[in-house]
Amino acid sequence: MTAPLIELQGVERRFGGLKAVDGVSFTMAPGEIVGLIGPNGAGKTTLINTITGVHPATAGTIRFEGRDITRLKPHAIARLGVARTFQIVQPFPEMTVLENVAAGALFAGRAPTMAAAEAAALGQLEFTGLAALAGKRAATLTLAQRKRLELAKSLAMRPRLLMLDEVNAGLNPSEIDEALDIIKRISASGVTILVVEHLMKVVLSISQRIVVLHHGQLIAEGEPRAVLADKAVIEAYLGTRYAGLIAGGAT
């Protein structure tokens, strides 16, 4: 049996008296794509922040490739091969597209020199379709281009685990299709992916498994269509009235 790439055991994150993440346990296997879903305020982004050390866990254990990373600093976790994108895209606006990506390659991707960082960055810009914009200021990019820049920056960190936080938010259908193609190619390269997503089209098209959070707790986990048919998941998203119609066989 393959050892998990990442393993969460009873992970909690408190903010005062609020448990934003409440006893969450799950694993991810190498190469897997897992969808992380739940209503607004369910704790999805907080869970990513906890895994990456931005908001360290107040209880529980997080192991990456068998190593306990629960108390490591964010930069140390990043250098082990854990990367993420942000829901609100904020590149360094006055730096060029190439410089933005090179920063990730230099400080977390272990590039030995600036020249090596820029070479790695250009490779990721080509992968994400931004090579023609390498010399442009990041502030001039469209939202879809900035989303791709986020992906390129995270890939320059040479991740083993990549967590995507609402990477498709604000995109039109054709832009979403293009983003999905990039995500599938990232997965094909061997990167394990955790996708935070509200769009069920996206979740069903790329996820091999789904984890559902509600009020900070894991309420369901498993194969996508089975999870989306779970009564507790329906109630968390659509309310008890709709859940009752499904239970009664209505369509």
C-alpha atoms as a PDB file:
ATOM      1  CA  MET A   1       0.000   0.000   0.000  1.00  0.00           C
ATOM      2  CA  THR A   2       1.354   3.419  -0.976  1.00  0.00           C
ATOM      3  CA  ALA A   3       2.148   5.690   1.958  1.00  0.00           C
ATOM      4  CA  PRO A   4       0.135   8.943   1.987  1.00  0.00           C
ATOM      5  CA  LEU A   5       1.814  12.096   0.738  1.00  0.00           C
ATOM      6  CA  ILE A   6       0.035  14.145   3.385  1.00  0.00           C
ATOM      7  CA  GLU A   7      -1.872  13.040   6.448  1.00  0.00           C
ATOM      8  CA  LEU A   8      -4.044  15.149   8.763  1.00  0.00           C
ATOM      9  CA  GLN A   9      -5.024  13.719  12.154  1.00  0.00           C
ATOM     10  CA  GLY A  10      -7.518  15.578  14.346  1.00  0.00           C
ATOM     11  CA  VAL A  11      -6.416  18.985  13.059  1.00  0.00           C
ATOM     12  CA  GLU A  12      -7.943  22.002  14.777  1.00  0.00           C
ATOM     13  CA  ARG A  13      -7.489  25.724  14.344  1.00  0.00           C
ATOM     14  CA  ARG A  14      -9.023  28.058  16.913  1.00  0.00           C
ATOM     15  CA  PHE A  15      -9.393  31.814  16.788  1.00  0.00           C
ATOM     16  CA  GLY A  16     -10.299  32.659  20.372  1.00  0.00           C
ATOM     17  CA  GLY A  17     -13.450  30.683  21.118  1.00  0.00           C
ATOM     18  CA  LEU A  18     -14.133  29.906  17.442  1.00  0.00           C
ATOM     19  CA  LYS A  19     -13.100  26.546  16.007  1.00  0.00           C
ATOM     20  CA  ALA A  20     -12.581  27.385  12.337  1.00  0.00           C
ATOM     21  CA  VAL A  21     -11.198  23.872  11.723  1.00  0.00           C
ATOM     22  CA  ASP A  22     -12.575  21.227  14.067  1.00  0.00           C
ATOM     23  CA  GLY A  23     -10.892  17.825  14.304  1.00  0.00           C
ATOM     24  CA  VAL A  24     -10.285  17.247  10.595  1.00  0.00           C
ATOM     25  CA  SER A  25      -8.613  13.979   9.552  1.00  0.00           C
ATOM     26  CA  PHE A  26      -7.902  12.756   6.016  1.00  0.00           C
ATOM     27  CA  THR A  27      -5.032  11.643   3.802  1.00  0.00           C
ATOM     28  CA  MET A  28      -3.981  12.228   0.213  1.00  0.00           C
ATOM     29  CA  ALA A  29      -2.074   9.713  -1.869  1.00  0.00           C
ATOM     30  CA  PRO A  30       0.752  10.756  -4.220  1.00  0.00           C
ATOM     31  CA  GLY A  31      -0.639  11.922  -7.576  1.00  0.00           C
ATOM     32  CA  GLU A  32      -4.227  12.234  -6.358  1.00  0.00           C
ATOM     33  CA  ILE A  33      -6.600  15.123  -7.126  1.00  0.00           C
ATOM     34  CA  VAL A  34      -8.942  15.802  -4.203  1.00  0.00           C
ATOM     35  CA  GLY A  35     -11.746  18.356  -4.236  1.00  0.00           C
ATOM     36  CA  LEU A  36     -12.284  20.274  -0.985  1.00  0.00           C
ATOM     37  CA  ILE A  37     -15.802  21.698  -0.918  1.00  0.00           C
ATOM     38  CA  GLY A  38     -18.220  23.248   1.545  1.00  0.00           C
ATOM     39  CA  PRO A  39     -20.363  26.337   2.104  1.00  0.00           C
ATOM     40  CA  ASN A  40     -18.860  29.791   2.583  1.00  0.00           C
ATOM     41  CA  GLY A  41     -17.288  29.940   6.028  1.00  0.00           C
ATOM     42  CA  ALA A  42     -16.857  26.161   6.236  1.00  0.00           C
ATOM     43  CA  GLY A  43     -13.140  26.474   6.984  1.00  0.00           C
ATOM     44  CA  LYS A  44     -11.660  25.529   3.599  1.00  0.00           C
ATOM     45  CA  THR A  45      -9.181  28.386   3.248  1.00  0.00           C
ATOM     46  CA  THR A  46      -8.371  28.205   6.956  1.00  0.00           C
ATOM     47  CA  LEU A  47      -7.500  24.537   6.483  1.00  0.00           C
ATOM     48  CA  ILE A  48      -5.093  25.441   3.657  1.00  0.00           C
ATOM     49  CA  ASN A  49      -3.592  28.165   5.846  1.00  0.00           C
ATOM     50  CA  THR A  50      -3.143  25.599   8.618  1.00  0.00           C
ATOM     51  CA  ILE A  51      -1.452  23.064   6.349  1.00  0.00           C
ATOM     52  CA  THR A  52       0.933  25.728   5.033  1.00  0.00           C
ATOM     53  CA  GLY A  53       1.749  27.055   8.511  1.00  0.00           C
ATOM     54  CA  VAL A  54       0.223  30.507   8.032  1.00  0.00           C
ATOM     55  CA  HIS A  55      -2.160  29.781  10.919  1.00  0.00           C
ATOM     56  CA  PRO A  56      -0.510  26.887  12.804  1.00  0.00           C
ATOM     57  CA  ALA A  57      -2.783  24.130  14.075  1.00  0.00           C
ATOM     58  CA  THR A  58      -3.887  24.535  17.689  1.00  0.00           C
ATOM     59  CA  ALA A  59      -4.360  20.761  17.974  1.00  0.00           C
ATOM     60  CA  GLY A  60      -3.741  17.657  15.906  1.00  0.00           C
ATOM     61  CA  THR A  61      -0.928  16.585  13.608  1.00  0.00           C
ATOM     62  CA  ILE A  62      -0.031  17.230   9.960  1.00  0.00           C
ATOM     63  CA  ARG A  63       2.520  14.938   8.302  1.00  0.00           C
ATOM     64  CA  PHE A  64       4.008  15.439   4.853  1.00  0.00           C
ATOM     65  CA  GLU A  65       5.891  12.488   3.374  1.00  0.00           C
ATOM     66  CA  GLY A  66       5.928  11.031   6.892  1.00  0.00           C
ATOM     67  CA  ARG A  67       7.466  14.144   8.471  1.00  0.00           C
ATOM     68  CA  ASP A  68       5.621  16.108  11.135  1.00  0.00           C
ATOM     69  CA  ILE A  69       5.221  19.643   9.734  1.00  0.00           C
ATOM     70  CA  THR A  70       2.613  20.836  12.252  1.00  0.00           C
ATOM     71  CA  ARG A  71       4.887  23.425  13.881  1.00  0.00           C
ATOM     72  CA  LEU A  72       7.097  24.370  10.934  1.00  0.00           C
ATOM     73  CA  LYS A  73       7.207  27.924   9.588  1.00  0.00           C
ATOM     74  CA  PRO A  74       5.546  28.629   6.201  1.00  0.00           C
ATOM     75  CA  HIS A  75       8.849  29.058   4.337  1.00  0.00           C
ATOM     76  CA  ALA A  76      10.134  25.720   5.661  1.00  0.00           C
ATOM     77  CA  ILE A  77       6.924  23.954   4.610  1.00  0.00           C
ATOM     78  CA  ALA A  78       7.128  25.546   1.159  1.00  0.00           C
ATOM     79  CA  ARG A  79      10.687  24.325   0.691  1.00  0.00           C
ATOM     80  CA  LEU A  80       9.603  20.777   1.493  1.00  0.00           C
ATOM     81  CA  GLY A  81       7.322  20.885  -1.562  1.00  0.00           C
ATOM     82  CA  VAL A  82       3.984  22.304  -0.377  1.00  0.00           C
ATOM     83  CA  ALA A  83       2.623  25.203  -2.458  1.00  0.00           C
ATOM     84  CA  ARG A  84      -0.693  27.017  -2.737  1.00  0.00           C
ATOM     85  CA  THR A  85      -2.495  29.672  -4.720  1.00  0.00           C
ATOM     86  CA  PHE A  86      -4.598  32.411  -3.180  1.00  0.00           C
ATOM     87  CA  GLN A  87      -8.296  33.087  -3.715  1.00  0.00           C
ATOM     88  CA  ILE A  88      -7.604  36.844  -3.944  1.00  0.00           C
ATOM     89  CA  VAL A  89      -4.832  37.154  -6.509  1.00  0.00           C
ATOM     90  CA  GLN A  90      -2.201  39.676  -5.458  1.00  0.00           C
ATOM     91  CA  PRO A  91       0.966  39.558  -7.580  1.00  0.00           C
ATOM     92  CA  PHE A  92       3.769  42.056  -7.035  1.00  0.00           C
ATOM     93  CA  PRO A  93       2.174  44.682  -9.301  1.00  0.00           C
ATOM     94  CA  GLU A  94       5.255  46.687 -10.281  1.00  0.00           C
ATOM     95  CA  MET A  95       7.389  43.615 -10.983  1.00  0.00           C
ATOM     96  CA  THR A  96       7.268  41.919 -14.356  1.00  0.00           C
ATOM     97  CA  VAL A  97       5.475  38.645 -14.899  1.00  0.00           C
ATOM     98  CA  LEU A  98       8.849  36.910 -15.162  1.00  0.00           C
ATOM     99  CA  GLU A  99      10.127  38.514 -11.945  1.00  0.00           C
ATOM    100  CA  ASN A 100       7.006  37.426 -10.043  1.00  0.00           C
ATOM    101  CA  VAL A 101       7.537  33.799 -10.987  1.00  0.00           C
ATOM    102  CA  ALA A 102      11.316  33.944 -10.531  1.00  0.00           C
ATOM    103  CA  ALA A 103      10.765  35.050  -6.924  1.00  0.00           C
ATOM    104  CA  GLY A 104       9.006  31.764  -6.213  1.00  0.00           C
ATOM    105  CA  ALA A 105      11.753  29.788  -7.927  1.00  0.00           C
ATOM    106  CA  LEU A 106      14.475  31.621  -6.018  1.00  0.00           C
ATOM    107  CA  PHE A 107      13.075  31.640  -2.483  1.00  0.00           C
ATOM    108  CA  ALA A 108      11.068  28.404  -2.334  1.00  0.00           C
ATOM    109  CA  GLY A 109      12.018  26.509  -5.480  1.00  0.00           C
ATOM    110  CA  ARG A 110      15.672  26.255  -4.419  1.00  0.00           C
ATOM    111  CA  ALA A 111      17.082  27.874  -7.583  1.00  0.00           C
ATOM    112  CA  PRO A 112      20.794  28.482  -6.840  1.00  0.00           C
ATOM    113  CA  THR A 113      21.120  31.754  -8.778  1.00  0.00           C
ATOM    114  CA  MET A 114      18.908  34.494 -10.202  1.00  0.00           C
ATOM    115  CA  ALA A 115      19.709  33.281 -13.708  1.00  0.00           C
ATOM    116  CA  ALA A 116      18.551  29.767 -12.786  1.00  0.00           C
ATOM    117  CA  ALA A 117      15.421  31.219 -11.169  1.00  0.00           C
ATOM    118  CA  GLU A 118      14.573  33.184 -14.317  1.00  0.00           C
ATOM    119  CA  ALA A 119      15.130  30.105 -16.489  1.00  0.00           C
ATOM    120  CA  ALA A 120      12.804  28.062 -14.256  1.00  0.00           C
ATOM    121  CA  ALA A 121      10.278  30.888 -14.293  1.00  0.00           C
ATOM    122  CA  LEU A 122      10.277  31.084 -18.085  1.00  0.00           C
ATOM    123  CA  GLY A 123       9.595  27.355 -18.241  1.00  0.00           C
ATOM    124  CA  GLN A 124       6.530  27.765 -16.039  1.00  0.00           C
ATOM    125  CA  LEU A 125       5.335  30.765 -18.043  1.00  0.00           C
ATOM    126  CA  GLU A 126       5.526  28.645 -21.190  1.00  0.00           C
ATOM    127  CA  PHE A 127       3.612  25.867 -19.407  1.00  0.00           C
ATOM    128  CA  THR A 128       0.831  28.255 -18.365  1.00  0.00           C
ATOM    129  CA  GLY A 129       0.694  30.160 -21.655  1.00  0.00           C
ATOM    130  CA  LEU A 130       2.132  33.423 -20.325  1.00  0.00           C
ATOM    131  CA  ALA A 131       5.572  33.410 -21.954  1.00  0.00           C
ATOM    132  CA  ALA A 132       4.606  36.214 -24.362  1.00  0.00           C
ATOM    133  CA  LEU A 133       3.796  38.419 -21.347  1.00  0.00           C
ATOM    134  CA  ALA A 134       7.049  37.761 -19.454  1.00  0.00           C
ATOM    135  CA  GLY A 135       8.211  41.382 -19.683  1.00  0.00           C
ATOM    136  CA  LYS A 136       4.860  42.964 -18.831  1.00  0.00           C
ATOM    137  CA  ARG A 137       4.143  44.485 -15.427  1.00  0.00           C
ATOM    138  CA  ALA A 138       1.909  42.174 -13.407  1.00  0.00           C
ATOM    139  CA  ALA A 139      -0.482  45.086 -12.779  1.00  0.00           C
ATOM    140  CA  THR A 140      -1.422  45.106 -16.487  1.00  0.00           C
ATOM    141  CA  LEU A 141      -2.722  41.525 -16.573  1.00  0.00           C
ATOM    142  CA  THR A 142      -6.368  40.544 -16.835  1.00  0.00           C
ATOM    143  CA  LEU A 143      -7.954  38.481 -14.040  1.00  0.00           C
ATOM    144  CA  ALA A 144      -7.593  35.267 -16.053  1.00  0.00           C
ATOM    145  CA  GLN A 145      -3.936  36.048 -16.728  1.00  0.00           C
ATOM    146  CA  ARG A 146      -3.325  36.836 -13.058  1.00  0.00           C
ATOM    147  CA  LYS A 147      -4.880  33.484 -12.137  1.00  0.00           C
ATOM    148  CA  ARG A 148      -2.429  31.801 -14.501  1.00  0.00           C
ATOM    149  CA  LEU A 149       0.381  33.832 -12.983  1.00  0.00           C
ATOM    150  CA  GLU A 150      -0.600  32.444  -9.564  1.00  0.00           C
ATOM    151  CA  LEU A 151      -0.296  28.933 -10.986  1.00  0.00           C
ATOM    152  CA  ALA A 152       3.080  29.706 -12.565  1.00  0.00           C
ATOM    153  CA  LYS A 153       4.387  31.183  -9.294  1.00  0.00           C
ATOM    154  CA  SER A 154       3.319  28.133  -7.322  1.00  0.00           C
ATOM    155  CA  LEU A 155       4.754  25.711  -9.893  1.00  0.00           C
ATOM    156  CA  ALA A 156       8.091  27.524  -9.787  1.00  0.00           C
ATOM    157  CA  MET A 157       8.288  26.400  -6.158  1.00  0.00           C
ATOM    158  CA  ARG A 158       8.591  22.808  -7.441  1.00  0.00           C
ATOM    159  CA  PRO A 159       5.700  21.477  -5.347  1.00  0.00           C
ATOM    160  CA  ARG A 160       4.894  17.864  -4.554  1.00  0.00           C
ATOM    161  CA  LEU A 161       1.538  19.072  -3.179  1.00  0.00           C
ATOM    162  CA  LEU A 162      -0.296  22.015  -4.767  1.00  0.00           C
ATOM    163  CA  MET A 163      -3.388  23.520  -3.134  1.00  0.00           C
ATOM    164  CA  LEU A 164      -5.607  25.609  -5.402  1.00  0.00           C
ATOM    165  CA  ASP A 165      -7.929  28.034  -3.609  1.00  0.00           C
ATOM    166  CA  GLU A 166     -10.820  29.052  -5.890  1.00  0.00           C
ATOM    167  CA  VAL A 167      -8.535  29.215  -8.912  1.00  0.00           C
ATOM    168  CA  ASN A 168     -11.558  29.487 -11.250  1.00  0.00           C
ATOM    169  CA  ALA A 169     -13.441  32.214  -9.371  1.00  0.00           C
ATOM    170  CA  GLY A 170     -14.422  35.098 -11.638  1.00  0.00           C
ATOM    171  CA  LEU A 171     -13.526  33.334 -14.875  1.00  0.00           C
ATOM    172  CA  ASN A 172     -15.855  32.870 -17.852  1.00  0.00           C
ATOM    173  CA  PRO A 173     -16.635  29.359 -19.200  1.00  0.00           C
ATOM    174  CA  SER A 174     -13.873  29.333 -21.828  1.00  0.00           C
ATOM    175  CA  GLU A 175     -11.317  30.583 -19.296  1.00  0.00           C
ATOM    176  CA  ILE A 176     -12.428  27.867 -16.865  1.00  0.00           C
ATOM    177  CA  ASP A 177     -11.922  25.219 -19.556  1.00  0.00           C
ATOM    178  CA  GLU A 178      -8.414  26.538 -20.202  1.00  0.00           C
ATOM    179  CA  ALA A 179      -7.641  26.521 -16.458  1.00  0.00           C
ATOM    180  CA  LEU A 180      -8.904  22.951 -16.165  1.00  0.00           C
ATOM    181  CA  ASP A 181      -6.599  21.885 -18.971  1.00  0.00           C
ATOM    182  CA  ILE A 182      -3.637  23.376 -17.109  1.00  0.00           C
ATOM    183  CA  ILE A 183      -4.672  21.666 -13.848  1.00  0.00           C
ATOM    184  CA  LYS A 184      -4.923  18.312 -15.621  1.00  0.00           C
ATOM    185  CA  ARG A 185      -1.468  18.794 -17.129  1.00  0.00           C
ATOM    186  CA  ILE A 186      -0.076  19.687 -13.691  1.00  0.00           C
ATOM    187  CA  SER A 187      -1.550  16.460 -12.330  1.00  0.00           C
ATOM    188  CA  ALA A 188      -0.122  14.477 -15.250  1.00  0.00           C
ATOM    189  CA  SER A 189       3.329  15.785 -14.309  1.00  0.00           C
ATOM    190  CA  GLY A 190       3.032  13.981 -10.967  1.00  0.00           C
ATOM    191  CA  VAL A 191       1.910  16.806  -8.659  1.00  0.00           C
ATOM    192  CA  THR A 192      -0.710  15.956  -6.015  1.00  0.00           C
ATOM    193  CA  ILE A 193      -3.515  18.547  -6.026  1.00  0.00           C
ATOM    194  CA  LEU A 194      -6.053  19.737  -3.455  1.00  0.00           C
ATOM    195  CA  VAL A 195      -8.713  21.883  -5.142  1.00  0.00           C
ATOM    196  CA  VAL A 196     -10.974  24.242  -3.185  1.00  0.00           C
ATOM    197  CA  GLU A 197     -13.900  24.841  -5.504  1.00  0.00           C
ATOM    198  CA  HIS A 198     -17.582  25.836  -5.596  1.00  0.00           C
ATOM    199  CA  LEU A 199     -18.259  24.953  -9.239  1.00  0.00           C
ATOM    200  CA  MET A 200     -19.542  21.379  -9.350  1.00  0.00           C
ATOM    201  CA  LYS A 201     -18.608  21.124 -13.047  1.00  0.00           C
ATOM    202  CA  VAL A 202     -14.997  21.611 -12.041  1.00  0.00           C
ATOM    203  CA  VAL A 203     -15.157  19.292  -9.033  1.00  0.00           C
ATOM    204  CA  LEU A 204     -16.704  16.441 -11.007  1.00  0.00           C
ATOM    205  CA  SER A 205     -14.424  16.847 -14.021  1.00  0.00           C
ATOM    206  CA  ILE A 206     -11.087  16.606 -12.204  1.00  0.00           C
ATOM    207  CA  SER A 207     -11.515  15.218  -8.675  1.00  0.00           C
ATOM    208  CA  GLN A 208     -10.878  11.562  -7.925  1.00  0.00           C
ATOM    209  CA  ARG A 209     -12.211  12.066  -4.406  1.00  0.00           C
ATOM    210  CA  ILE A 210     -14.063  14.794  -2.497  1.00  0.00           C
ATOM    211  CA  VAL A 211     -13.709  16.020   1.089  1.00  0.00           C
ATOM    212  CA  VAL A 212     -16.580  18.135   2.462  1.00  0.00           C
ATOM    213  CA  LEU A 213     -16.284  20.643   5.311  1.00  0.00           C
ATOM    214  CA  HIS A 214     -19.180  22.258   7.188  1.00  0.00           C
ATOM    215  CA  HIS A 215     -18.698  24.480  10.243  1.00  0.00           C
ATOM    216  CA  GLY A 216     -15.071  23.395  10.279  1.00  0.00           C
ATOM    217  CA  GLN A 217     -15.884  19.681  10.487  1.00  0.00           C
ATOM    218  CA  LEU A 218     -15.410  16.965   7.882  1.00  0.00           C
ATOM    219  CA  ILE A 219     -18.925  15.711   7.120  1.00  0.00           C
ATOM    220  CA  ALA A 220     -18.289  13.489   4.073  1.00  0.00           C
ATOM    221  CA  GLU A 221     -15.447  11.995   2.066  1.00  0.00           C
ATOM    222  CA  GLY A 222     -15.303   9.683  -0.932  1.00  0.00           C
ATOM    223  CA  GLU A 223     -16.042   9.249  -4.628  1.00  0.00           C
ATOM    224  CA  PRO A 224     -17.441  12.512  -6.079  1.00  0.00           C
ATOM    225  CA  ARG A 225     -20.942  11.520  -7.192  1.00  0.00           C
ATOM    226  CA  ALA A 226     -21.568   9.450  -4.075  1.00  0.00           C
ATOM    227  CA  VAL A 227     -20.535  12.356  -1.853  1.00  0.00           C
ATOM    228  CA  LEU A 228     -22.717  14.840  -3.738  1.00  0.00           C
ATOM    229  CA  ALA A 229     -25.703  12.508  -3.233  1.00  0.00           C
ATOM    230  CA  ASP A 230     -25.093  12.361   0.537  1.00  0.00           C
ATOM    231  CA  LYS A 231     -28.001  13.886   2.490  1.00  0.00           C
ATOM    232  CA  ALA A 232     -25.728  15.764   4.899  1.00  0.00           C
ATOM    233  CA  VAL A 233     -23.889  17.344   1.955  1.00  0.00           C
ATOM    234  CA  ILE A 234     -27.138  18.329   0.247  1.00  0.00           C
ATOM    235  CA  GLU A 235     -28.372  19.935   3.467  1.00  0.00           C
ATOM    236  CA  ALA A 236     -25.114  21.842   3.928  1.00  0.00           C
ATOM    237  CA  TYR A 237     -25.374  23.306   0.421  1.00  0.00           C
ATOM    238  CA  LEU A 238     -29.043  23.530  -0.477  1.00  0.00           C
ATOM    239  CA  GLY A 239     -31.117  23.310   2.711  1.00  0.00           C
ATOM    240  CA  THR A 240     -33.295  20.651   4.309  1.00  0.00           C
ATOM    241  CA  ARG A 241     -36.287  21.200   2.002  1.00  0.00           C
ATOM    242  CA  TYR A 242     -34.284  20.246  -1.094  1.00  0.00           C
ATOM    243  CA  ALA A 243     -32.662  17.367   0.799  1.00  0.00           C
ATOM    244  CA  GLY A 244     -36.136  16.070   1.652  1.00  0.00           C
ATOM    245  CA  LEU A 245     -37.170  16.144  -1.995  1.00  0.00           C
ATOM    246  CA  ILE A 246     -34.077  14.125  -2.962  1.00  0.00           C
ATOM    247  CA  ALA A 247     -34.701  11.612  -0.168  1.00  0.00           C
ATOM    248  CA  GLY A 248     -38.298  11.252  -1.377  1.00  0.00           C
ATOM    249  CA  GLY A 249     -37.193  10.458  -4.919  1.00  0.00           C
ATOM    250  CA  ALA A 250     -38.133  13.772  -6.539  1.00  0.00           C
ATOM    251  CA  THR A 251     -36.038  15.028  -9.462  1.00  0.00           C
END
